[in-house]
Amino acid sequence: MERLLRRQVELARQGSLEELSASSGRLEELLARLPAGAVAASASSCRTVRRLYEELCLILATRKAEVGRRLKEMGAGKACLRAYRGNSPDR
């Protein structure tokens, strides 16, 4: 699981969100196969997995914010174009 999380963090940093999405299914499968009440092999392994998961969440939140900002910019650009077309002497 740690290796898969490391790969997901790497994919998120690269912006390979489609590949990241595909690998998330594998992580879910691994988690589903764990027996109820299973514990991590060691406390350090548990900390590493938690840190990787938190890093992945942070990267994805940053990407989401970037996409939101870009969409907002595109909306402003479209509004500007609509206003320009509305005032165009060719109309």
N, C-alpha and C. Protein backbone atom coordinates (compact mmCIF):
# COMPACT_ATOMS: atom_id res chain seq x y z
N MET A 1 0.83 -1.18 0.00
CA MET A 1 0.00 0.00 0.00
C MET A 1 0.88 1.26 0.00
N GLU A 2 1.97 1.19 0.74
CA GLU A 2 2.87 2.34 0.78
C GLU A 2 3.44 2.64 -0.60
N ARG A 3 3.82 1.60 -1.32
CA ARG A 3 4.38 1.79 -2.67
C ARG A 3 3.34 2.41 -3.60
N LEU A 4 2.10 1.96 -3.49
CA LEU A 4 1.03 2.51 -4.33
C LEU A 4 0.76 3.97 -3.99
N LEU A 5 0.77 4.31 -2.72
CA LEU A 5 0.58 5.71 -2.32
C LEU A 5 1.72 6.59 -2.83
N ARG A 6 2.94 6.07 -2.75
CA ARG A 6 4.08 6.84 -3.28
C ARG A 6 3.89 7.11 -4.77
N ARG A 7 3.41 6.11 -5.48
CA ARG A 7 3.17 6.26 -6.93
C ARG A 7 2.07 7.30 -7.17
N GLN A 8 1.03 7.27 -6.36
CA GLN A 8 -0.05 8.23 -6.53
C GLN A 8 0.42 9.66 -6.25
N VAL A 9 1.25 9.83 -5.26
CA VAL A 9 1.81 11.15 -4.97
C VAL A 9 2.63 11.63 -6.16
N GLU A 10 3.43 10.73 -6.72
CA GLU A 10 4.25 11.07 -7.89
C GLU A 10 3.36 11.46 -9.07
N LEU A 11 2.30 10.71 -9.32
CA LEU A 11 1.40 11.02 -10.43
C LEU A 11 0.70 12.36 -10.21
N ALA A 12 0.30 12.62 -8.97
CA ALA A 12 -0.37 13.89 -8.67
C ALA A 12 0.57 15.07 -8.89
N ARG A 13 1.83 14.91 -8.50
CA ARG A 13 2.81 15.98 -8.72
C ARG A 13 3.01 16.24 -10.21
N GLN A 14 2.95 15.18 -11.01
CA GLN A 14 3.15 15.32 -12.45
C GLN A 14 1.91 15.82 -13.16
N GLY A 15 0.77 15.81 -12.46
CA GLY A 15 -0.48 16.24 -13.07
C GLY A 15 -1.14 15.15 -13.89
N SER A 16 -0.73 13.90 -13.71
CA SER A 16 -1.31 12.76 -14.44
C SER A 16 -2.56 12.27 -13.71
N LEU A 17 -3.59 13.08 -13.75
CA LEU A 17 -4.77 12.80 -12.95
C LEU A 17 -5.57 11.60 -13.45
N GLU A 18 -5.56 11.34 -14.76
CA GLU A 18 -6.27 10.16 -15.27
C GLU A 18 -5.63 8.89 -14.77
N GLU A 19 -4.31 8.83 -14.83
CA GLU A 19 -3.59 7.65 -14.35
C GLU A 19 -3.75 7.53 -12.83
N LEU A 20 -3.76 8.65 -12.14
CA LEU A 20 -3.95 8.65 -10.70
C LEU A 20 -5.33 8.08 -10.36
N SER A 21 -6.32 8.48 -11.11
CA SER A 21 -7.68 7.99 -10.88
C SER A 21 -7.75 6.47 -11.07
N ALA A 22 -7.08 5.98 -12.10
CA ALA A 22 -7.08 4.53 -12.35
C ALA A 22 -6.40 3.78 -11.21
N SER A 23 -5.31 4.34 -10.68
CA SER A 23 -4.60 3.64 -9.61
C SER A 23 -5.35 3.71 -8.28
N SER A 24 -6.26 4.67 -8.13
CA SER A 24 -7.01 4.76 -6.88
C SER A 24 -7.91 3.55 -6.70
N GLY A 25 -8.37 2.97 -7.80
CA GLY A 25 -9.17 1.75 -7.71
C GLY A 25 -8.36 0.61 -7.12
N ARG A 26 -7.09 0.53 -7.48
CA ARG A 26 -6.23 -0.51 -6.93
C ARG A 26 -6.03 -0.33 -5.43
N LEU A 27 -5.92 0.92 -5.00
CA LEU A 27 -5.77 1.19 -3.57
C LEU A 27 -7.03 0.76 -2.82
N GLU A 28 -8.18 1.07 -3.39
CA GLU A 28 -9.44 0.66 -2.77
C GLU A 28 -9.53 -0.85 -2.66
N GLU A 29 -9.07 -1.56 -3.71
CA GLU A 29 -9.07 -3.03 -3.66
C GLU A 29 -8.19 -3.54 -2.53
N LEU A 30 -6.99 -2.96 -2.38
CA LEU A 30 -6.10 -3.37 -1.31
C LEU A 30 -6.74 -3.15 0.06
N LEU A 31 -7.37 -2.01 0.24
CA LEU A 31 -8.01 -1.71 1.51
C LEU A 31 -9.18 -2.66 1.78
N ALA A 32 -9.92 -3.00 0.73
CA ALA A 32 -11.06 -3.89 0.89
C ALA A 32 -10.62 -5.31 1.28
N ARG A 33 -9.44 -5.70 0.84
CA ARG A 33 -8.94 -7.05 1.13
C ARG A 33 -8.39 -7.20 2.55
N LEU A 34 -8.13 -6.08 3.21
CA LEU A 34 -7.61 -6.15 4.57
C LEU A 34 -8.65 -6.78 5.48
N PRO A 35 -8.24 -7.71 6.30
CA PRO A 35 -9.20 -8.30 7.24
C PRO A 35 -9.65 -7.27 8.27
N ALA A 36 -10.85 -7.44 8.77
CA ALA A 36 -11.38 -6.51 9.77
C ALA A 36 -10.46 -6.50 10.99
N GLY A 37 -10.12 -5.32 11.47
CA GLY A 37 -9.27 -5.20 12.64
C GLY A 37 -7.80 -5.37 12.35
N ALA A 38 -7.42 -5.39 11.08
CA ALA A 38 -6.01 -5.53 10.72
C ALA A 38 -5.24 -4.31 11.22
N VAL A 39 -4.02 -4.54 11.68
CA VAL A 39 -3.18 -3.44 12.16
C VAL A 39 -1.95 -3.33 11.29
N ALA A 40 -1.39 -2.17 11.26
CA ALA A 40 -0.18 -1.95 10.45
C ALA A 40 0.98 -2.77 11.02
N ALA A 41 1.93 -3.11 10.16
CA ALA A 41 3.08 -3.90 10.57
C ALA A 41 3.88 -3.19 11.65
N SER A 42 3.97 -1.88 11.57
CA SER A 42 4.72 -1.13 12.58
C SER A 42 4.15 0.28 12.66
N ALA A 43 4.47 0.91 13.75
CA ALA A 43 4.00 2.29 13.93
C ALA A 43 4.63 3.20 12.88
N SER A 44 5.89 2.94 12.53
CA SER A 44 6.55 3.78 11.53
C SER A 44 5.92 3.59 10.16
N SER A 45 5.52 2.38 9.83
CA SER A 45 4.83 2.13 8.56
C SER A 45 3.49 2.86 8.52
N CYS A 46 2.80 2.84 9.63
CA CYS A 46 1.51 3.53 9.72
C CYS A 46 1.71 5.04 9.55
N ARG A 47 2.73 5.59 10.18
CA ARG A 47 3.02 7.03 10.04
C ARG A 47 3.37 7.38 8.60
N THR A 48 4.13 6.51 7.95
CA THR A 48 4.53 6.77 6.56
C THR A 48 3.31 6.79 5.66
N VAL A 49 2.43 5.80 5.82
CA VAL A 49 1.21 5.74 5.01
C VAL A 49 0.34 6.97 5.26
N ARG A 50 0.20 7.35 6.52
CA ARG A 50 -0.61 8.54 6.86
C ARG A 50 -0.01 9.79 6.23
N ARG A 51 1.32 9.94 6.31
CA ARG A 51 2.00 11.11 5.73
C ARG A 51 1.81 11.16 4.23
N LEU A 52 1.95 10.01 3.57
CA LEU A 52 1.77 9.96 2.12
C LEU A 52 0.33 10.31 1.74
N TYR A 53 -0.62 9.80 2.49
CA TYR A 53 -2.03 10.09 2.21
C TYR A 53 -2.31 11.58 2.39
N GLU A 54 -1.79 12.17 3.45
CA GLU A 54 -1.99 13.60 3.68
C GLU A 54 -1.32 14.43 2.58
N GLU A 55 -0.14 13.99 2.14
CA GLU A 55 0.55 14.70 1.05
C GLU A 55 -0.26 14.62 -0.23
N LEU A 56 -0.81 13.45 -0.51
CA LEU A 56 -1.63 13.27 -1.70
C LEU A 56 -2.86 14.18 -1.64
N CYS A 57 -3.51 14.22 -0.49
CA CYS A 57 -4.69 15.09 -0.33
C CYS A 57 -4.33 16.56 -0.54
N LEU A 58 -3.19 16.98 -0.02
CA LEU A 58 -2.75 18.36 -0.18
C LEU A 58 -2.49 18.70 -1.65
N ILE A 59 -1.82 17.79 -2.35
CA ILE A 59 -1.53 18.02 -3.77
C ILE A 59 -2.82 18.12 -4.55
N LEU A 60 -3.76 17.22 -4.28
CA LEU A 60 -5.03 17.24 -5.01
C LEU A 60 -5.84 18.48 -4.70
N ALA A 61 -5.81 18.95 -3.46
CA ALA A 61 -6.51 20.18 -3.10
C ALA A 61 -5.91 21.37 -3.83
N THR A 62 -4.59 21.38 -3.96
CA THR A 62 -3.91 22.46 -4.69
C THR A 62 -4.30 22.43 -6.16
N ARG A 63 -4.30 21.23 -6.75
CA ARG A 63 -4.71 21.11 -8.17
C ARG A 63 -6.14 21.58 -8.36
N LYS A 64 -7.01 21.21 -7.43
CA LYS A 64 -8.41 21.61 -7.52
C LYS A 64 -8.54 23.13 -7.48
N ALA A 65 -7.78 23.76 -6.59
CA ALA A 65 -7.81 25.22 -6.49
C ALA A 65 -7.30 25.87 -7.78
N GLU A 66 -6.25 25.28 -8.38
CA GLU A 66 -5.71 25.81 -9.63
C GLU A 66 -6.74 25.72 -10.74
N VAL A 67 -7.43 24.59 -10.82
CA VAL A 67 -8.45 24.41 -11.86
C VAL A 67 -9.58 25.41 -11.64
N GLY A 68 -9.99 25.60 -10.39
CA GLY A 68 -11.05 26.57 -10.09
C GLY A 68 -10.65 27.98 -10.50
N ARG A 69 -9.41 28.34 -10.22
CA ARG A 69 -8.92 29.67 -10.59
C ARG A 69 -8.92 29.83 -12.11
N ARG A 70 -8.47 28.81 -12.81
CA ARG A 70 -8.43 28.89 -14.28
C ARG A 70 -9.84 28.99 -14.87
N LEU A 71 -10.76 28.24 -14.30
CA LEU A 71 -12.14 28.31 -14.78
C LEU A 71 -12.72 29.70 -14.56
N LYS A 72 -12.39 30.29 -13.43
CA LYS A 72 -12.85 31.65 -13.13
C LYS A 72 -12.28 32.64 -14.15
N GLU A 73 -10.98 32.48 -14.46
CA GLU A 73 -10.34 33.35 -15.45
C GLU A 73 -10.98 33.18 -16.83
N MET A 74 -11.28 31.94 -17.18
CA MET A 74 -11.92 31.68 -18.47
C MET A 74 -13.30 32.32 -18.53
N GLY A 75 -14.04 32.23 -17.41
CA GLY A 75 -15.36 32.85 -17.36
C GLY A 75 -15.29 34.35 -17.54
N ALA A 76 -14.28 34.97 -16.93
CA ALA A 76 -14.11 36.42 -17.08
C ALA A 76 -13.75 36.76 -18.52
N GLY A 77 -12.92 35.93 -19.14
CA GLY A 77 -12.55 36.16 -20.54
C GLY A 77 -13.75 36.01 -21.46
N LYS A 78 -14.58 35.02 -21.19
CA LYS A 78 -15.78 34.83 -22.01
C LYS A 78 -16.74 36.00 -21.84
N ALA A 79 -16.87 36.50 -20.62
CA ALA A 79 -17.75 37.65 -20.38
C ALA A 79 -17.24 38.87 -21.14
N CYS A 80 -15.93 39.04 -21.15
CA CYS A 80 -15.32 40.15 -21.88
C CYS A 80 -15.60 40.03 -23.37
N LEU A 81 -15.46 38.83 -23.91
CA LEU A 81 -15.74 38.61 -25.34
C LEU A 81 -17.21 38.88 -25.66
N ARG A 82 -18.10 38.42 -24.79
CA ARG A 82 -19.54 38.68 -25.02
C ARG A 82 -19.81 40.18 -25.03
N ALA A 83 -19.18 40.90 -24.11
CA ALA A 83 -19.38 42.35 -24.05
C ALA A 83 -18.82 43.01 -25.31
N TYR A 84 -17.68 42.56 -25.76
CA TYR A 84 -17.05 43.12 -26.95
C TYR A 84 -17.93 42.85 -28.17
N ARG A 85 -18.43 41.63 -28.29
CA ARG A 85 -19.31 41.30 -29.42
C ARG A 85 -20.58 42.14 -29.41
N GLY A 86 -21.09 42.39 -28.20
CA GLY A 86 -22.30 43.19 -28.07
C GLY A 86 -22.11 44.63 -28.48
N ASN A 87 -20.88 45.13 -28.36
CA ASN A 87 -20.58 46.53 -28.71
C ASN A 87 -19.91 46.67 -30.06
N SER A 88 -19.78 45.58 -30.77
CA SER A 88 -19.06 45.59 -32.04
C SER A 88 -19.90 46.35 -33.09
N PRO A 89 -19.26 47.21 -33.90
CA PRO A 89 -19.99 47.96 -34.93
C PRO A 89 -20.43 47.05 -36.09
N ASP A 90 -19.90 45.83 -36.17
CA ASP A 90 -20.26 44.91 -37.25
C ASP A 90 -21.62 44.27 -37.01
N ARG A 91 -22.18 44.41 -35.87
CA ARG A 91 -23.44 43.74 -35.57
C ARG A 91 -24.61 44.52 -36.04
